[in-house]
Amino acid sequence: MPNGPREEKRSADAIGRAVHTAKIATGEIEDDCDDVKVLPPSLVAWAARSC
């Protein structure tokens, strides 16, 4: 398994996500954004006030 910059082990889950992202970026697979959840406007306004 590859090591990180400070010789720590990288989890297989993080490596899998990176490979998936690279495949989307190169066009090997189609990005499916249908499952992305949209926040309600009231929650967006609340988050903006808390900053």
Protein backbone atom coordinates (compact mmCIF):
# COMPACT_ATOMS: atom_id res chain seq x y z
CA MET A 1 0.00 0.00 0.00
CA PRO A 2 1.39 3.47 -0.85
CA ASN A 3 2.67 5.70 1.90
CA GLY A 4 1.74 9.33 2.42
CA PRO A 5 4.16 12.25 2.64
CA ARG A 6 4.88 11.46 6.31
CA GLU A 7 5.14 7.69 5.70
CA GLU A 8 1.63 7.05 7.06
CA LYS A 9 -0.46 4.38 5.39
CA ARG A 10 -3.23 5.50 3.04
CA SER A 11 -6.55 3.74 3.28
CA ALA A 12 -7.85 1.76 0.32
CA ASP A 13 -11.06 3.80 0.41
CA ALA A 14 -9.18 7.05 -0.27
CA ILE A 15 -7.25 5.43 -3.11
CA GLY A 16 -10.50 4.11 -4.62
CA ARG A 17 -12.03 7.58 -4.53
CA ALA A 18 -8.98 9.07 -6.23
CA VAL A 19 -9.13 6.47 -9.01
CA HIS A 20 -12.86 7.07 -9.48
CA THR A 21 -12.30 10.85 -9.65
CA ALA A 22 -9.53 10.41 -12.20
CA LYS A 23 -11.76 8.22 -14.38
CA ILE A 24 -14.50 10.87 -14.31
CA ALA A 25 -11.98 13.60 -15.16
CA THR A 26 -10.59 11.68 -18.14
CA GLY A 27 -14.04 10.72 -19.40
CA GLU A 28 -13.64 6.97 -18.93
CA ILE A 29 -16.89 6.86 -16.94
CA GLU A 30 -19.92 9.13 -16.81
CA ASP A 31 -20.50 11.24 -13.71
CA ASP A 32 -23.88 10.44 -12.17
CA CYS A 33 -25.06 13.44 -10.18
CA ASP A 34 -28.65 12.32 -9.80
CA ASP A 35 -28.13 11.34 -6.18
CA VAL A 36 -26.76 14.75 -5.13
CA LYS A 37 -28.98 16.32 -2.50
CA VAL A 38 -29.86 19.99 -2.70
CA LEU A 39 -30.03 21.91 0.56
CA PRO A 40 -33.22 23.79 1.35
CA PRO A 41 -32.88 27.59 1.12
CA SER A 42 -33.59 27.99 4.85
CA LEU A 43 -30.63 25.79 5.72
CA VAL A 44 -28.36 27.66 3.31
CA ALA A 45 -29.38 30.96 4.91
CA TRP A 46 -28.74 29.53 8.39
CA ALA A 47 -25.27 28.31 7.37
CA ALA A 48 -24.42 31.72 5.89
CA ARG A 49 -25.37 33.47 9.14
CA SER A 50 -23.26 31.15 11.28
CA CYS A 51 -20.00 32.09 9.51
